[in-house]
Protein backbone atom coordinates (compact mmCIF):
# COMPACT_ATOMS: atom_id res chain seq x y z
CA UNK A 1 344.27 55.61 151.34
CA UNK A 2 346.88 57.46 153.30
CA UNK A 3 349.20 60.15 151.36
CA UNK A 4 353.33 59.52 151.94
CA UNK A 5 354.19 62.45 153.40
CA UNK A 6 357.85 64.25 153.03
CA UNK A 7 360.65 63.10 155.55
CA UNK A 8 361.41 65.38 158.43
CA UNK A 9 363.98 67.59 157.81
CA UNK A 10 366.47 69.00 160.45
CA UNK A 11 368.61 71.64 160.48
CA UNK A 12 371.52 72.29 163.16
CA UNK A 13 373.30 75.96 163.56
CA UNK A 14 375.99 76.84 165.47
CA UNK A 15 376.56 80.52 163.80
CA UNK A 16 374.28 82.79 162.21
CA UNK A 17 371.08 80.91 161.23
CA UNK A 18 370.29 80.98 164.91
CA UNK A 19 370.13 84.94 164.48
CA UNK A 20 366.19 86.00 164.15
CA UNK A 21 367.24 88.66 161.44
CA UNK A 22 369.17 85.97 158.97
CA UNK A 23 366.28 83.51 159.57
CA UNK A 24 363.55 86.17 158.89
CA UNK A 25 365.73 87.14 155.51
CA UNK A 26 366.20 83.76 154.17
CA UNK A 27 362.79 81.71 155.65
CA UNK A 28 360.55 84.57 155.86
CA UNK A 29 359.64 83.37 159.41
CA UNK A 30 361.52 83.04 162.71
CA UNK A 31 362.43 79.52 163.44
CA UNK A 32 361.43 77.77 166.79
CA UNK A 33 364.21 74.67 167.44
CA UNK A 34 366.02 73.00 170.70
CA UNK A 35 369.40 73.17 172.06
CA UNK A 36 371.57 70.55 170.86
CA UNK A 37 375.11 69.49 170.45
CA UNK A 38 377.52 68.61 167.44
CA UNK A 39 380.38 66.29 168.40
CA UNK A 40 383.89 65.40 166.84
CA UNK A 41 384.32 68.87 164.91
CA UNK A 42 386.45 72.02 165.78
CA UNK A 43 385.03 75.41 165.66
CA UNK A 44 387.26 78.05 163.59
CA UNK A 45 386.34 81.23 161.75
CA UNK A 46 385.95 82.40 158.05
CA UNK A 47 386.15 85.56 156.78
CA UNK A 48 382.95 86.49 154.98
CA UNK A 49 383.17 88.83 151.49
CA UNK A 50 379.62 88.29 150.35
CA UNK A 51 378.13 91.45 150.37
CA UNK A 52 374.49 89.87 150.69
CA UNK A 53 375.77 87.72 153.49
CA UNK A 54 377.64 90.86 154.94
CA UNK A 55 374.38 92.68 154.82
CA UNK A 56 372.20 89.99 156.48
CA UNK A 57 374.13 88.74 159.05
CA UNK A 58 376.09 91.90 160.11
CA UNK A 59 379.32 89.93 161.05
CA UNK A 60 382.45 90.20 158.99
CA UNK A 61 383.57 86.56 160.29
CA UNK A 62 381.10 83.46 160.83
CA UNK A 63 381.83 80.57 162.63
CA UNK A 64 382.70 77.42 160.95
CA UNK A 65 383.56 73.84 161.89
CA UNK A 66 386.19 71.26 160.56
CA UNK A 67 386.49 67.54 161.30
CA UNK A 68 388.36 67.33 164.96
CA UNK A 69 389.04 64.11 167.25
CA UNK A 70 386.82 62.18 169.75
CA UNK A 71 388.32 64.66 172.52
CA UNK A 72 386.82 67.72 170.70
CA UNK A 73 384.53 69.96 172.81
CA UNK A 74 381.04 69.54 171.68
CA UNK A 75 379.95 72.47 169.49
CA UNK A 76 376.55 73.93 170.93
CA UNK A 77 373.79 75.04 168.82
CA UNK A 78 369.94 74.82 168.16
CA UNK A 79 368.07 72.35 165.84
CA UNK A 80 365.29 73.72 163.70
CA UNK A 81 362.53 71.55 161.92
CA UNK A 82 362.69 73.31 158.39
CA UNK A 83 360.95 72.72 154.79
CA UNK A 84 363.02 71.55 151.57
CA UNK A 85 362.12 74.97 150.20
CA UNK A 86 363.88 76.75 153.68
CA UNK A 87 366.79 73.93 153.27
CA UNK A 88 367.21 75.26 149.62
CA UNK A 89 367.37 78.90 151.16
CA UNK A 90 369.68 78.22 153.61
CA UNK A 91 371.98 76.45 150.72
CA UNK A 92 371.68 79.83 148.91
CA UNK A 93 372.71 81.95 152.25
CA UNK A 94 375.57 79.79 152.78
CA UNK A 95 379.08 81.09 150.87
CA UNK A 96 381.40 78.48 148.92
CA UNK A 97 383.60 77.98 152.23
CA UNK A 98 380.72 75.76 153.34
CA UNK A 99 379.16 72.34 152.36
CA UNK A 100 376.27 70.94 153.47
CA UNK A 101 376.55 67.45 155.60
CA UNK A 102 374.43 65.03 157.47
CA UNK A 103 375.18 64.33 160.89
CA UNK A 104 373.98 62.63 164.04
CA UNK A 105 373.40 65.15 166.87
CA UNK A 106 374.08 64.53 170.45
CA UNK A 107 370.63 63.85 171.04
CA UNK A 108 370.31 61.32 168.13
CA UNK A 109 368.49 63.50 165.73
CA UNK A 110 369.81 63.18 162.31
CA UNK A 111 370.39 66.85 160.76
CA UNK A 112 371.94 69.02 158.33
CA UNK A 113 374.68 70.93 158.99
CA UNK A 114 377.22 73.47 157.18
CA UNK A 115 380.82 72.67 157.68
CA UNK A 116 383.95 73.79 156.00
CA UNK A 117 383.93 73.02 152.50
């Protein structure tokens, strides 16, 4: 008898979740991933005021995505395979300006990504 395994979880990052220091602080390890892109969104910037996030990322402004149009430029980033616990850690890291949504990346991979709330 085979044991059911959890579905693979993919996380797409176009911002600070690609940084080694942010990954180690949130996941306890450096993630390995592959380059990918997201379509139909435009990149903007959001000011970060959460002291913990500021300390972890070292940046006062983080990129944020808002729905764009069919001719929006692809948003380059990295797609990572993560655990359910790491997804929960990413949820805790992201400030309230962001919400997590599922998208289909340029590669066809279905991944979670944080966009403008």
